[in-house]
């Protein structure tokens, strides 16, 4: 994906120049936020476990943790 990548996709993408199915703009269109509240530790994805093995920025209890 890149910011300049734009082409038609599923409706209404193919008939509406304001939308796209690829590129950075598509993230906003197709993003599905997921919340892991009260998830058992063993079932959490590796990147969300204690110690943050991927050093990903995360928001924990409303506080942004960077890496």
C-alpha atoms as a PDB file:
ATOM      1  CA  UNK A   1       0.000   0.000   0.000  1.00  0.00           C
ATOM      2  CA  UNK A   2       1.044   3.560  -0.690  1.00  0.00           C
ATOM      3  CA  UNK A   3      -0.644   6.961  -0.677  1.00  0.00           C
ATOM      4  CA  UNK A   4      -0.640   7.265  -4.483  1.00  0.00           C
ATOM      5  CA  UNK A   5      -2.289   3.883  -5.166  1.00  0.00           C
ATOM      6  CA  UNK A   6      -5.911   4.365  -6.248  1.00  0.00           C
ATOM      7  CA  UNK A   7      -8.199   2.311  -8.494  1.00  0.00           C
ATOM      8  CA  UNK A   8     -11.746   1.005  -8.568  1.00  0.00           C
ATOM      9  CA  UNK A   9     -12.915  -1.869  -6.428  1.00  0.00           C
ATOM     10  CA  UNK A  10     -16.209  -3.084  -4.984  1.00  0.00           C
ATOM     11  CA  UNK A  11     -19.229  -0.779  -5.190  1.00  0.00           C
ATOM     12  CA  UNK A  12     -19.238   2.203  -4.774  1.00  0.00           C
ATOM     13  CA  UNK A  13     -15.525   2.402  -5.577  1.00  0.00           C
ATOM     14  CA  UNK A  14     -15.897   1.699  -9.270  1.00  0.00           C
ATOM     15  CA  UNK A  15     -18.522   4.364  -9.825  1.00  0.00           C
ATOM     16  CA  UNK A  16     -17.507   6.986  -7.277  1.00  0.00           C
ATOM     17  CA  UNK A  17     -14.174   8.786  -7.618  1.00  0.00           C
ATOM     18  CA  UNK A  18     -14.246   9.795  -3.931  1.00  0.00           C
ATOM     19  CA  UNK A  19     -13.634   6.220  -2.710  1.00  0.00           C
ATOM     20  CA  UNK A  20     -11.077   3.482  -3.315  1.00  0.00           C
ATOM     21  CA  UNK A  21     -10.501  -0.150  -2.405  1.00  0.00           C
ATOM     22  CA  UNK A  22      -6.680  -0.009  -2.235  1.00  0.00           C
ATOM     23  CA  UNK A  23      -3.951   2.213  -0.871  1.00  0.00           C
ATOM     24  CA  UNK A  24      -3.783   4.228   2.315  1.00  0.00           C
ATOM     25  CA  UNK A  25      -7.297   5.640   1.787  1.00  0.00           C
ATOM     26  CA  UNK A  26      -8.774   2.127   1.873  1.00  0.00           C
ATOM     27  CA  UNK A  27      -7.626   1.636   5.472  1.00  0.00           C
ATOM     28  CA  UNK A  28     -10.167   4.210   6.619  1.00  0.00           C
ATOM     29  CA  UNK A  29     -12.905   2.627   4.526  1.00  0.00           C
ATOM     30  CA  UNK A  30     -12.408  -1.015   5.532  1.00  0.00           C
ATOM     31  CA  UNK A  31     -10.839  -0.780   9.018  1.00  0.00           C
ATOM     32  CA  UNK A  32     -12.571  -2.876  11.681  1.00  0.00           C
ATOM     33  CA  UNK A  33     -11.323  -1.949  15.153  1.00  0.00           C
ATOM     34  CA  UNK A  34     -11.007  -4.911  17.522  1.00  0.00           C
ATOM     35  CA  UNK A  35     -10.958  -4.757  21.324  1.00  0.00           C
ATOM     36  CA  UNK A  36      -9.403  -7.495  23.476  1.00  0.00           C
ATOM     37  CA  UNK A  37     -11.065  -6.635  26.789  1.00  0.00           C
ATOM     38  CA  UNK A  38     -10.813  -9.330  29.504  1.00  0.00           C
ATOM     39  CA  UNK A  39      -9.217 -11.737  27.011  1.00  0.00           C
ATOM     40  CA  UNK A  40      -7.337 -14.651  28.637  1.00  0.00           C
ATOM     41  CA  UNK A  41      -3.577 -14.027  28.376  1.00  0.00           C
ATOM     42  CA  UNK A  42      -2.961 -17.305  26.521  1.00  0.00           C
ATOM     43  CA  UNK A  43      -5.371 -16.273  23.742  1.00  0.00           C
ATOM     44  CA  UNK A  44      -3.943 -12.792  23.141  1.00  0.00           C
ATOM     45  CA  UNK A  45      -2.023 -12.229  19.896  1.00  0.00           C
ATOM     46  CA  UNK A  46       1.741 -12.191  20.544  1.00  0.00           C
ATOM     47  CA  UNK A  47       2.020  -8.458  19.893  1.00  0.00           C
ATOM     48  CA  UNK A  48      -0.487  -7.660  22.651  1.00  0.00           C
ATOM     49  CA  UNK A  49       1.051  -9.734  25.428  1.00  0.00           C
ATOM     50  CA  UNK A  50       2.888  -8.280  28.421  1.00  0.00           C
ATOM     51  CA  UNK A  51       6.373  -7.101  27.566  1.00  0.00           C
ATOM     52  CA  UNK A  52       5.246  -5.920  24.105  1.00  0.00           C
ATOM     53  CA  UNK A  53       7.586  -8.192  22.084  1.00  0.00           C
ATOM     54  CA  UNK A  54       6.895  -6.248  18.851  1.00  0.00           C
ATOM     55  CA  UNK A  55       7.569  -2.829  20.463  1.00  0.00           C
ATOM     56  CA  UNK A  56       4.303  -1.604  18.966  1.00  0.00           C
ATOM     57  CA  UNK A  57       2.690   1.620  20.199  1.00  0.00           C
ATOM     58  CA  UNK A  58      -0.310   0.675  22.367  1.00  0.00           C
ATOM     59  CA  UNK A  59      -2.948   2.438  24.444  1.00  0.00           C
ATOM     60  CA  UNK A  60      -3.311   0.780  27.856  1.00  0.00           C
ATOM     61  CA  UNK A  61      -5.854   2.143  30.348  1.00  0.00           C
ATOM     62  CA  UNK A  62      -6.081   5.321  28.269  1.00  0.00           C
ATOM     63  CA  UNK A  63      -2.316   5.937  28.304  1.00  0.00           C
ATOM     64  CA  UNK A  64      -0.305   5.768  25.066  1.00  0.00           C
ATOM     65  CA  UNK A  65       2.726   3.479  25.466  1.00  0.00           C
ATOM     66  CA  UNK A  66       5.368   3.858  22.748  1.00  0.00           C
ATOM     67  CA  UNK A  67       7.338   0.642  22.207  1.00  0.00           C
END
